[in-house]
Amino acid sequence: MTAKRTPLGREVEQALGEVLAHVRGETELPCRLVDDPSAERIRALRRRMKLSRRAFAERFGLDARAVQDWEQGRRLPDRAARVLLTVIESEPEAVERALAG
């Protein structure tokens, strides 16, 4: 082991210090909560858009089987999918623009 501290090591130390300060209640860290959409909410979103599962999946770059599993409650969307579903719910055109670009 070396005694020399690398820039990455110093960055990790700083980040861990911030985490410890947060745990101790000494500082607030920014956080963003992304809720877990229920199967009913995902199904309702797709139906509001008047799309089949396959069309919804293709339009937003999702796996059709995953959409089916989410809607039937067999699987929960991972964090990235939850964020994407949140954006689709509020501004589907933004997702389409991003995917087209």
PDB file of N, CA and C in Angstrom:
ATOM      1  N   MET A   1       0.846  -1.169   0.000  1.00  0.00           N
ATOM      2  CA  MET A   1       0.000   0.000   0.000  1.00  0.00           C
ATOM      3  C   MET A   1       0.895   1.237   0.000  1.00  0.00           C
ATOM      4  N   THR A   2       0.446   2.259  -0.671  1.00  0.00           N
ATOM      5  CA  THR A   2       1.227   3.482  -0.794  1.00  0.00           C
ATOM      6  C   THR A   2       0.664   4.574   0.116  1.00  0.00           C
ATOM      7  N   ALA A   3       1.517   5.444   0.573  1.00  0.00           N
ATOM      8  CA  ALA A   3       1.086   6.563   1.416  1.00  0.00           C
ATOM      9  C   ALA A   3       0.652   7.740   0.552  1.00  0.00           C
ATOM     10  N   LYS A   4       0.957   7.666  -0.726  1.00  0.00           N
ATOM     11  CA  LYS A   4       0.624   8.761  -1.639  1.00  0.00           C
ATOM     12  C   LYS A   4      -0.876   8.754  -1.918  1.00  0.00           C
ATOM     13  N   ARG A   5      -1.511   9.912  -1.800  1.00  0.00           N
ATOM     14  CA  ARG A   5      -2.946  10.030  -2.039  1.00  0.00           C
ATOM     15  C   ARG A   5      -3.171  10.578  -3.442  1.00  0.00           C
ATOM     16  N   THR A   6      -3.960   9.870  -4.189  1.00  0.00           N
ATOM     17  CA  THR A   6      -4.258  10.272  -5.564  1.00  0.00           C
ATOM     18  C   THR A   6      -5.417  11.252  -5.564  1.00  0.00           C
ATOM     19  N   PRO A   7      -5.606  11.984  -6.666  1.00  0.00           N
ATOM     20  CA  PRO A   7      -6.768  12.877  -6.754  1.00  0.00           C
ATOM     21  C   PRO A   7      -8.088  12.114  -6.566  1.00  0.00           C
ATOM     22  N   LEU A   8      -8.171  10.932  -7.137  1.00  0.00           N
ATOM     23  CA  LEU A   8      -9.386  10.145  -6.975  1.00  0.00           C
ATOM     24  C   LEU A   8      -9.590   9.758  -5.508  1.00  0.00           C
ATOM     25  N   GLY A   9      -8.511   9.372  -4.849  1.00  0.00           N
ATOM     26  CA  GLY A   9      -8.595   9.025  -3.429  1.00  0.00           C
ATOM     27  C   GLY A   9      -9.071  10.194  -2.592  1.00  0.00           C
ATOM     28  N   ARG A  10      -8.544  11.388  -2.873  1.00  0.00           N
ATOM     29  CA  ARG A  10      -8.985  12.588  -2.141  1.00  0.00           C
ATOM     30  C   ARG A  10     -10.460  12.881  -2.407  1.00  0.00           C
ATOM     31  N   GLU A  11     -10.890  12.662  -3.639  1.00  0.00           N
ATOM     32  CA  GLU A  11     -12.296  12.883  -3.986  1.00  0.00           C
ATOM     33  C   GLU A  11     -13.207  11.905  -3.240  1.00  0.00           C
ATOM     34  N   VAL A  12     -12.777  10.659  -3.151  1.00  0.00           N
ATOM     35  CA  VAL A  12     -13.553   9.656  -2.411  1.00  0.00           C
ATOM     36  C   VAL A  12     -13.608  10.020  -0.930  1.00  0.00           C
ATOM     37  N   GLU A  13     -12.479  10.451  -0.365  1.00  0.00           N
ATOM     38  CA  GLU A  13     -12.453  10.873   1.039  1.00  0.00           C
ATOM     39  C   GLU A  13     -13.427  12.024   1.280  1.00  0.00           C
ATOM     40  N   GLN A  14     -13.424  12.993   0.388  1.00  0.00           N
ATOM     41  CA  GLN A  14     -14.316  14.139   0.528  1.00  0.00           C
ATOM     42  C   GLN A  14     -15.777  13.682   0.470  1.00  0.00           C
ATOM     43  N   ALA A  15     -16.092  12.800  -0.486  1.00  0.00           N
ATOM     44  CA  ALA A  15     -17.462  12.309  -0.620  1.00  0.00           C
ATOM     45  C   ALA A  15     -17.893  11.548   0.634  1.00  0.00           C
ATOM     46  N   LEU A  16     -17.008  10.704   1.160  1.00  0.00           N
ATOM     47  CA  LEU A  16     -17.334   9.963   2.377  1.00  0.00           C
ATOM     48  C   LEU A  16     -17.519  10.908   3.565  1.00  0.00           C
ATOM     49  N   GLY A  17     -16.715  11.956   3.601  1.00  0.00           N
ATOM     50  CA  GLY A  17     -16.887  12.960   4.653  1.00  0.00           C
ATOM     51  C   GLY A  17     -18.256  13.624   4.574  1.00  0.00           C
ATOM     52  N   GLU A  18     -18.715  13.897   3.360  1.00  0.00           N
ATOM     53  CA  GLU A  18     -20.040  14.486   3.180  1.00  0.00           C
ATOM     54  C   GLU A  18     -21.132  13.522   3.633  1.00  0.00           C
ATOM     55  N   VAL A  19     -20.967  12.252   3.317  1.00  0.00           N
ATOM     56  CA  VAL A  19     -21.945  11.239   3.732  1.00  0.00           C
ATOM     57  C   VAL A  19     -21.996  11.156   5.256  1.00  0.00           C
ATOM     58  N   LEU A  20     -20.827  11.104   5.903  1.00  0.00           N
ATOM     59  CA  LEU A  20     -20.800  11.035   7.367  1.00  0.00           C
ATOM     60  C   LEU A  20     -21.448  12.265   7.996  1.00  0.00           C
ATOM     61  N   ALA A  21     -21.166  13.424   7.459  1.00  0.00           N
ATOM     62  CA  ALA A  21     -21.781  14.651   7.983  1.00  0.00           C
ATOM     63  C   ALA A  21     -23.299  14.596   7.824  1.00  0.00           C
ATOM     64  N   HIS A  22     -23.754  14.052   6.727  1.00  0.00           N
ATOM     65  CA  HIS A  22     -25.199  13.919   6.504  1.00  0.00           C
ATOM     66  C   HIS A  22     -25.806  12.941   7.512  1.00  0.00           C
ATOM     67  N   VAL A  23     -25.155  11.802   7.711  1.00  0.00           N
ATOM     68  CA  VAL A  23     -25.656  10.792   8.646  1.00  0.00           C
ATOM     69  C   VAL A  23     -25.718  11.359  10.062  1.00  0.00           C
ATOM     70  N   ARG A  24     -24.746  12.178  10.412  1.00  0.00           N
ATOM     71  CA  ARG A  24     -24.716  12.789  11.746  1.00  0.00           C
ATOM     72  C   ARG A  24     -25.707  13.943  11.876  1.00  0.00           C
ATOM     73  N   GLY A  25     -26.343  14.331  10.766  1.00  0.00           N
ATOM     74  CA  GLY A  25     -27.295  15.441  10.801  1.00  0.00           C
ATOM     75  C   GLY A  25     -26.636  16.806  10.743  1.00  0.00           C
ATOM     76  N   GLU A  26     -25.372  16.839  10.362  1.00  0.00           N
ATOM     77  CA  GLU A  26     -24.629  18.093  10.312  1.00  0.00           C
ATOM     78  C   GLU A  26     -24.846  18.853   9.012  1.00  0.00           C
ATOM     79  N   THR A  27     -25.308  18.179   7.986  1.00  0.00           N
ATOM     80  CA  THR A  27     -25.504  18.822   6.690  1.00  0.00           C
ATOM     81  C   THR A  27     -26.629  18.120   5.936  1.00  0.00           C
ATOM     82  N   GLU A  28     -27.216  18.823   5.034  1.00  0.00           N
ATOM     83  CA  GLU A  28     -28.249  18.264   4.160  1.00  0.00           C
ATOM     84  C   GLU A  28     -27.627  17.981   2.801  1.00  0.00           C
ATOM     85  N   LEU A  29     -27.914  16.830   2.273  1.00  0.00           N
ATOM     86  CA  LEU A  29     -27.466  16.504   0.925  1.00  0.00           C
ATOM     87  C   LEU A  29     -28.677  16.537  -0.004  1.00  0.00           C
ATOM     88  N   PRO A  30     -28.472  16.999  -1.224  1.00  0.00           N
ATOM     89  CA  PRO A  30     -29.608  17.015  -2.150  1.00  0.00           C
ATOM     90  C   PRO A  30     -30.027  15.586  -2.494  1.00  0.00           C
ATOM     91  N   CYS A  31     -31.300  15.384  -2.565  1.00  0.00           N
ATOM     92  CA  CYS A  31     -31.778  14.083  -2.996  1.00  0.00           C
ATOM     93  C   CYS A  31     -33.069  14.290  -3.776  1.00  0.00           C
ATOM     94  N   ARG A  32     -33.320  13.373  -4.636  1.00  0.00           N
ATOM     95  CA  ARG A  32     -34.513  13.426  -5.460  1.00  0.00           C
ATOM     96  C   ARG A  32     -35.188  12.075  -5.355  1.00  0.00           C
ATOM     97  N   LEU A  33     -36.432  12.078  -4.926  1.00  0.00           N
ATOM     98  CA  LEU A  33     -37.173  10.840  -4.795  1.00  0.00           C
ATOM     99  C   LEU A  33     -37.942  10.573  -6.075  1.00  0.00           C
ATOM    100  N   VAL A  34     -37.813   9.365  -6.562  1.00  0.00           N
ATOM    101  CA  VAL A  34     -38.581   8.931  -7.715  1.00  0.00           C
ATOM    102  C   VAL A  34     -39.445   7.789  -7.218  1.00  0.00           C
ATOM    103  N   ASP A  35     -40.750   8.015  -7.242  1.00  0.00           N
ATOM    104  CA  ASP A  35     -41.627   7.010  -6.649  1.00  0.00           C
ATOM    105  C   ASP A  35     -41.717   5.760  -7.511  1.00  0.00           C
ATOM    106  N   ASP A  36     -42.137   4.692  -6.870  1.00  0.00           N
ATOM    107  CA  ASP A  36     -42.343   3.440  -7.575  1.00  0.00           C
ATOM    108  C   ASP A  36     -43.741   3.462  -8.172  1.00  0.00           C
ATOM    109  N   PRO A  37     -43.841   3.567  -9.485  1.00  0.00           N
ATOM    110  CA  PRO A  37     -45.179   3.589 -10.073  1.00  0.00           C
ATOM    111  C   PRO A  37     -45.844   2.221  -9.938  1.00  0.00           C
ATOM    112  N   SER A  38     -47.082   2.240  -9.575  1.00  0.00           N
ATOM    113  CA  SER A  38     -47.817   0.988  -9.444  1.00  0.00           C
ATOM    114  C   SER A  38     -48.137   0.434 -10.822  1.00  0.00           C
ATOM    115  N   ALA A  39     -48.490  -0.845 -10.842  1.00  0.00           N
ATOM    116  CA  ALA A  39     -48.886  -1.482 -12.097  1.00  0.00           C
ATOM    117  C   ALA A  39     -50.061  -0.729 -12.720  1.00  0.00           C
ATOM    118  N   GLU A  40     -51.007  -0.334 -11.880  1.00  0.00           N
ATOM    119  CA  GLU A  40     -52.193   0.377 -12.379  1.00  0.00           C
ATOM    120  C   GLU A  40     -51.819   1.730 -12.987  1.00  0.00           C
ATOM    121  N   ARG A  41     -50.869   2.405 -12.351  1.00  0.00           N
ATOM    122  CA  ARG A  41     -50.459   3.728 -12.854  1.00  0.00           C
ATOM    123  C   ARG A  41     -49.749   3.612 -14.201  1.00  0.00           C
ATOM    124  N   ILE A  42     -48.913   2.589 -14.358  1.00  0.00           N
ATOM    125  CA  ILE A  42     -48.218   2.386 -15.627  1.00  0.00           C
ATOM    126  C   ILE A  42     -49.225   2.040 -16.714  1.00  0.00           C
ATOM    127  N   ARG A  43     -50.147   1.157 -16.398  1.00  0.00           N
ATOM    128  CA  ARG A  43     -51.186   0.770 -17.366  1.00  0.00           C
ATOM    129  C   ARG A  43     -52.034   1.990 -17.741  1.00  0.00           C
ATOM    130  N   ALA A  44     -52.409   2.790 -16.743  1.00  0.00           N
ATOM    131  CA  ALA A  44     -53.226   3.978 -17.010  1.00  0.00           C
ATOM    132  C   ALA A  44     -52.482   4.978 -17.894  1.00  0.00           C
ATOM    133  N   LEU A  45     -51.191   5.142 -17.667  1.00  0.00           N
ATOM    134  CA  LEU A  45     -50.383   6.043 -18.502  1.00  0.00           C
ATOM    135  C   LEU A  45     -50.418   5.587 -19.950  1.00  0.00           C
ATOM    136  N   ARG A  46     -50.175   4.316 -20.162  1.00  0.00           N
ATOM    137  CA  ARG A  46     -50.177   3.789 -21.532  1.00  0.00           C
ATOM    138  C   ARG A  46     -51.559   3.933 -22.162  1.00  0.00           C
ATOM    139  N   ARG A  47     -52.586   3.633 -21.429  1.00  0.00           N
ATOM    140  CA  ARG A  47     -53.944   3.726 -21.974  1.00  0.00           C
ATOM    141  C   ARG A  47     -54.350   5.165 -22.262  1.00  0.00           C
ATOM    142  N   ARG A  48     -53.911   6.101 -21.417  1.00  0.00           N
ATOM    143  CA  ARG A  48     -54.183   7.522 -21.680  1.00  0.00           C
ATOM    144  C   ARG A  48     -53.592   7.943 -23.020  1.00  0.00           C
ATOM    145  N   MET A  49     -52.463   7.336 -23.355  1.00  0.00           N
ATOM    146  CA  MET A  49     -51.803   7.656 -24.617  1.00  0.00           C
ATOM    147  C   MET A  49     -52.396   6.860 -25.776  1.00  0.00           C
ATOM    148  N   LYS A  50     -53.339   5.971 -25.466  1.00  0.00           N
ATOM    149  CA  LYS A  50     -54.025   5.146 -26.467  1.00  0.00           C
ATOM    150  C   LYS A  50     -53.036   4.325 -27.290  1.00  0.00           C
ATOM    151  N   LEU A  51     -52.118   3.660 -26.568  1.00  0.00           N
ATOM    152  CA  LEU A  51     -51.097   2.849 -27.221  1.00  0.00           C
ATOM    153  C   LEU A  51     -51.166   1.416 -26.714  1.00  0.00           C
ATOM    154  N   SER A  52     -50.890   0.490 -27.603  1.00  0.00           N
ATOM    155  CA  SER A  52     -50.726  -0.896 -27.179  1.00  0.00           C
ATOM    156  C   SER A  52     -49.423  -0.982 -26.389  1.00  0.00           C
ATOM    157  N   ARG A  53     -49.227  -2.097 -25.708  1.00  0.00           N
ATOM    158  CA  ARG A  53     -47.964  -2.267 -24.985  1.00  0.00           C
ATOM    159  C   ARG A  53     -46.780  -2.174 -25.935  1.00  0.00           C
ATOM    160  N   ARG A  54     -46.897  -2.856 -27.058  1.00  0.00           N
ATOM    161  CA  ARG A  54     -45.792  -2.861 -28.015  1.00  0.00           C
ATOM    162  C   ARG A  54     -45.535  -1.461 -28.564  1.00  0.00           C
ATOM    163  N   ALA A  55     -46.593  -0.744 -28.918  1.00  0.00           N
ATOM    164  CA  ALA A  55     -46.429   0.614 -29.454  1.00  0.00           C
ATOM    165  C   ALA A  55     -45.824   1.538 -28.405  1.00  0.00           C
ATOM    166  N   PHE A  56     -46.272   1.420 -27.155  1.00  0.00           N
ATOM    167  CA  PHE A  56     -45.726   2.227 -26.060  1.00  0.00           C
ATOM    168  C   PHE A  56     -44.236   1.935 -25.897  1.00  0.00           C
ATOM    169  N   ALA A  57     -43.893   0.658 -25.872  1.00  0.00           N
ATOM    170  CA  ALA A  57     -42.496   0.264 -25.710  1.00  0.00           C
ATOM    171  C   ALA A  57     -41.637   0.796 -26.855  1.00  0.00           C
ATOM    172  N   GLU A  58     -42.104   0.627 -28.079  1.00  0.00           N
ATOM    173  CA  GLU A  58     -41.335   1.096 -29.241  1.00  0.00           C
ATOM    174  C   GLU A  58     -41.190   2.605 -29.232  1.00  0.00           C
ATOM    175  N   ARG A  59     -42.250   3.307 -28.896  1.00  0.00           N
ATOM    176  CA  ARG A  59     -42.224   4.770 -28.914  1.00  0.00           C
ATOM    177  C   ARG A  59     -41.195   5.335 -27.938  1.00  0.00           C
ATOM    178  N   PHE A  60     -41.031   4.642 -26.784  1.00  0.00           N
ATOM    179  CA  PHE A  60     -40.157   5.193 -25.749  1.00  0.00           C
ATOM    180  C   PHE A  60     -38.904   4.356 -25.483  1.00  0.00           C
ATOM    181  N   GLY A  61     -38.588   3.458 -26.400  1.00  0.00           N
ATOM    182  CA  GLY A  61     -37.355   2.696 -26.275  1.00  0.00           C
ATOM    183  C   GLY A  61     -37.343   1.701 -25.132  1.00  0.00           C
ATOM    184  N   LEU A  62     -38.483   1.149 -24.808  1.00  0.00           N
ATOM    185  CA  LEU A  62     -38.596   0.178 -23.722  1.00  0.00           C
ATOM    186  C   LEU A  62     -38.759  -1.226 -24.272  1.00  0.00           C
ATOM    187  N   ASP A  63     -38.548  -2.198 -23.424  1.00  0.00           N
ATOM    188  CA  ASP A  63     -38.769  -3.585 -23.780  1.00  0.00           C
ATOM    189  C   ASP A  63     -40.247  -3.914 -23.542  1.00  0.00           C
ATOM    190  N   ALA A  64     -40.927  -4.404 -24.573  1.00  0.00           N
ATOM    191  CA  ALA A  64     -42.365  -4.676 -24.475  1.00  0.00           C
ATOM    192  C   ALA A  64     -42.662  -5.697 -23.380  1.00  0.00           C
ATOM    193  N   ARG A  65     -41.811  -6.681 -23.229  1.00  0.00           N
ATOM    194  CA  ARG A  65     -42.021  -7.692 -22.187  1.00  0.00           C
ATOM    195  C   ARG A  65     -41.909  -7.063 -20.797  1.00  0.00           C
ATOM    196  N   ALA A  66     -40.965  -6.141 -20.646  1.00  0.00           N
ATOM    197  CA  ALA A  66     -40.812  -5.453 -19.359  1.00  0.00           C
ATOM    198  C   ALA A  66     -42.063  -4.640 -19.043  1.00  0.00           C
ATOM    199  N   VAL A  67     -42.592  -3.930 -20.045  1.00  0.00           N
ATOM    200  CA  VAL A  67     -43.819  -3.148 -19.837  1.00  0.00           C
ATOM    201  C   VAL A  67     -44.947  -4.084 -19.390  1.00  0.00           C
ATOM    202  N   GLN A  68     -45.063  -5.218 -20.041  1.00  0.00           N
ATOM    203  CA  GLN A  68     -46.090  -6.196 -19.666  1.00  0.00           C
ATOM    204  C   GLN A  68     -45.884  -6.646 -18.214  1.00  0.00           C
ATOM    205  N   ASP A  69     -44.669  -6.982 -17.855  1.00  0.00           N
ATOM    206  CA  ASP A  69     -44.380  -7.425 -16.491  1.00  0.00           C
ATOM    207  C   ASP A  69     -44.682  -6.334 -15.468  1.00  0.00           C
ATOM    208  N   TRP A  70     -44.346  -5.078 -15.798  1.00  0.00           N
ATOM    209  CA  TRP A  70     -44.652  -3.970 -14.880  1.00  0.00           C
ATOM    210  C   TRP A  70     -46.155  -3.839 -14.687  1.00  0.00           C
ATOM    211  N   GLU A  71     -46.883  -3.879 -15.798  1.00  0.00           N
ATOM    212  CA  GLU A  71     -48.335  -3.694 -15.730  1.00  0.00           C
ATOM    213  C   GLU A  71     -49.031  -4.836 -15.002  1.00  0.00           C
ATOM    214  N   GLN A  72     -48.449  -6.007 -15.048  1.00  0.00           N
ATOM    215  CA  GLN A  72     -49.058  -7.155 -14.380  1.00  0.00           C
ATOM    216  C   GLN A  72     -48.500  -7.368 -12.978  1.00  0.00           C
ATOM    217  N   GLY A  73     -47.630  -6.465 -12.538  1.00  0.00           N
ATOM    218  CA  GLY A  73     -47.097  -6.524 -11.187  1.00  0.00           C
ATOM    219  C   GLY A  73     -46.081  -7.623 -10.946  1.00  0.00           C
ATOM    220  N   ARG A  74     -45.553  -8.214 -11.999  1.00  0.00           N
ATOM    221  CA  ARG A  74     -44.555  -9.274 -11.837  1.00  0.00           C
ATOM    222  C   ARG A  74     -43.159  -8.718 -11.579  1.00  0.00           C
ATOM    223  N   ARG A  75     -42.915  -7.504 -12.052  1.00  0.00           N
ATOM    224  CA  ARG A  75     -41.620  -6.844 -11.871  1.00  0.00           C
ATOM    225  C   ARG A  75     -41.853  -5.376 -11.590  1.00  0.00           C
ATOM    226  N   LEU A  76     -40.897  -4.766 -10.904  1.00  0.00           N
ATOM    227  CA  LEU A  76     -40.904  -3.321 -10.712  1.00  0.00           C
ATOM    228  C   LEU A  76     -39.879  -2.707 -11.653  1.00  0.00           C
ATOM    229  N   PRO A  77     -40.188  -1.554 -12.220  1.00  0.00           N
ATOM    230  CA  PRO A  77     -39.195  -0.880 -13.066  1.00  0.00           C
ATOM    231  C   PRO A  77     -37.957  -0.533 -12.230  1.00  0.00           C
ATOM    232  N   ASP A  78     -36.775  -0.641 -12.843  1.00  0.00           N
ATOM    233  CA  ASP A  78     -35.568  -0.222 -12.130  1.00  0.00           C
ATOM    234  C   ASP A  78     -35.549   1.305 -12.060  1.00  0.00           C
ATOM    235  N   ARG A  79     -34.551   1.848 -11.390  1.00  0.00           N
ATOM    236  CA  ARG A  79     -34.503   3.294 -11.154  1.00  0.00           C
ATOM    237  C   ARG A  79     -34.534   4.095 -12.460  1.00  0.00           C
ATOM    238  N   ALA A  80     -33.742   3.681 -13.444  1.00  0.00           N
ATOM    239  CA  ALA A  80     -33.708   4.410 -14.718  1.00  0.00           C
ATOM    240  C   ALA A  80     -35.078   4.376 -15.388  1.00  0.00           C
ATOM    241  N   ALA A  81     -35.732   3.219 -15.364  1.00  0.00           N
ATOM    242  CA  ALA A  81     -37.063   3.109 -15.975  1.00  0.00           C
ATOM    243  C   ALA A  81     -38.079   3.953 -15.220  1.00  0.00           C
ATOM    244  N   ARG A  82     -37.966   4.024 -13.884  1.00  0.00           N
ATOM    245  CA  ARG A  82     -38.891   4.871 -13.103  1.00  0.00           C
ATOM    246  C   ARG A  82     -38.735   6.331 -13.482  1.00  0.00           C
ATOM    247  N   VAL A  83     -37.478   6.756 -13.653  1.00  0.00           N
ATOM    248  CA  VAL A  83     -37.237   8.144 -14.063  1.00  0.00           C
ATOM    249  C   VAL A  83     -37.839   8.377 -15.444  1.00  0.00           C
ATOM    250  N   LEU A  84     -37.596   7.456 -16.367  1.00  0.00           N
ATOM    251  CA  LEU A  84     -38.129   7.590 -17.723  1.00  0.00           C
ATOM    252  C   LEU A  84     -39.656   7.636 -17.696  1.00  0.00           C
ATOM    253  N   LEU A  85     -40.285   6.768 -16.922  1.00  0.00           N
ATOM    254  CA  LEU A  85     -41.746   6.771 -16.834  1.00  0.00           C
ATOM    255  C   LEU A  85     -42.266   8.085 -16.254  1.00  0.00           C
ATOM    256  N   THR A  86     -41.539   8.646 -15.307  1.00  0.00           N
ATOM    257  CA  THR A  86     -41.933   9.936 -14.728  1.00  0.00           C
ATOM    258  C   THR A  86     -41.898  11.028 -15.792  1.00  0.00           C
ATOM    259  N   VAL A  87     -40.853  11.027 -16.614  1.00  0.00           N
ATOM    260  CA  VAL A  87     -40.752  12.027 -17.687  1.00  0.00           C
ATOM    261  C   VAL A  87     -41.839  11.778 -18.732  1.00  0.00           C
ATOM    262  N   ILE A  88     -42.062  10.526 -19.092  1.00  0.00           N
ATOM    263  CA  ILE A  88     -43.116  10.200 -20.065  1.00  0.00           C
ATOM    264  C   ILE A  88     -44.459  10.696 -19.566  1.00  0.00           C
ATOM    265  N   GLU A  89     -44.698  10.537 -18.276  1.00  0.00           N
ATOM    266  CA  GLU A  89     -45.972  10.952 -17.696  1.00  0.00           C
ATOM    267  C   GLU A  89     -46.174  12.462 -17.787  1.00  0.00           C
ATOM    268  N   SER A  90     -45.102  13.228 -17.605  1.00  0.00           N
ATOM    269  CA  SER A  90     -45.266  14.682 -17.601  1.00  0.00           C
ATOM    270  C   SER A  90     -44.966  15.333 -18.944  1.00  0.00           C
ATOM    271  N   GLU A  91     -44.034  14.765 -19.717  1.00  0.00           N
ATOM    272  CA  GLU A  91     -43.689  15.376 -21.000  1.00  0.00           C
ATOM    273  C   GLU A  91     -43.178  14.329 -21.978  1.00  0.00           C
ATOM    274  N   PRO A  92     -44.085  13.525 -22.538  1.00  0.00           N
ATOM    275  CA  PRO A  92     -43.662  12.450 -23.442  1.00  0.00           C
ATOM    276  C   PRO A  92     -42.911  12.961 -24.671  1.00  0.00           C
ATOM    277  N   GLU A  93     -43.227  14.160 -25.107  1.00  0.00           N
ATOM    278  CA  GLU A  93     -42.543  14.717 -26.277  1.00  0.00           C
ATOM    279  C   GLU A  93     -41.055  14.912 -26.032  1.00  0.00           C
ATOM    280  N   ALA A  94     -40.686  15.210 -24.797  1.00  0.00           N
ATOM    281  CA  ALA A  94     -39.260  15.393 -24.470  1.00  0.00           C
ATOM    282  C   ALA A  94     -38.507  14.079 -24.676  1.00  0.00           C
ATOM    283  N   VAL A  95     -39.124  12.974 -24.286  1.00  0.00           N
ATOM    284  CA  VAL A  95     -38.492  11.671 -24.475  1.00  0.00           C
ATOM    285  C   VAL A  95     -38.371  11.356 -25.957  1.00  0.00           C
ATOM    286  N   GLU A  96     -39.426  11.635 -26.694  1.00  0.00           N
ATOM    287  CA  GLU A  96     -39.395  11.384 -28.136  1.00  0.00           C
ATOM    288  C   GLU A  96     -38.323  12.218 -28.818  1.00  0.00           C
ATOM    289  N   ARG A  97     -38.198  13.484 -28.426  1.00  0.00           N
ATOM    290  CA  ARG A  97     -37.158  14.344 -29.012  1.00  0.00           C
ATOM    291  C   ARG A  97     -35.774  13.807 -28.694  1.00  0.00           C
ATOM    292  N   ALA A  98     -35.580  13.367 -27.466  1.00  0.00           N
ATOM    293  CA  ALA A  98     -34.283  12.856 -27.063  1.00  0.00           C
ATOM    294  C   ALA A  98     -33.937  11.582 -27.825  1.00  0.00           C
ATOM    295  N   LEU A  99     -34.912  10.723 -28.018  1.00  0.00           N
ATOM    296  CA  LEU A  99     -34.667   9.479 -28.715  1.00  0.00           C
ATOM    297  C   LEU A  99     -34.472   9.685 -30.219  1.00  0.00           C
ATOM    298  N   ALA A 100     -35.054  10.733 -30.757  1.00  0.00           N
ATOM    299  CA  ALA A 100     -34.938  10.997 -32.198  1.00  0.00           C
ATOM    300  C   ALA A 100     -33.594  11.628 -32.542  1.00  0.00           C
ATOM    301  N   GLY A 101     -32.977  12.289 -31.575  1.00  0.00           N
ATOM    302  CA  GLY A 101     -31.792  13.058 -31.818  1.00  0.00           C
ATOM    303  C   GLY A 101     -30.569  12.282 -31.952  1.00  0.00           C
TER     304      GLY A 101
END
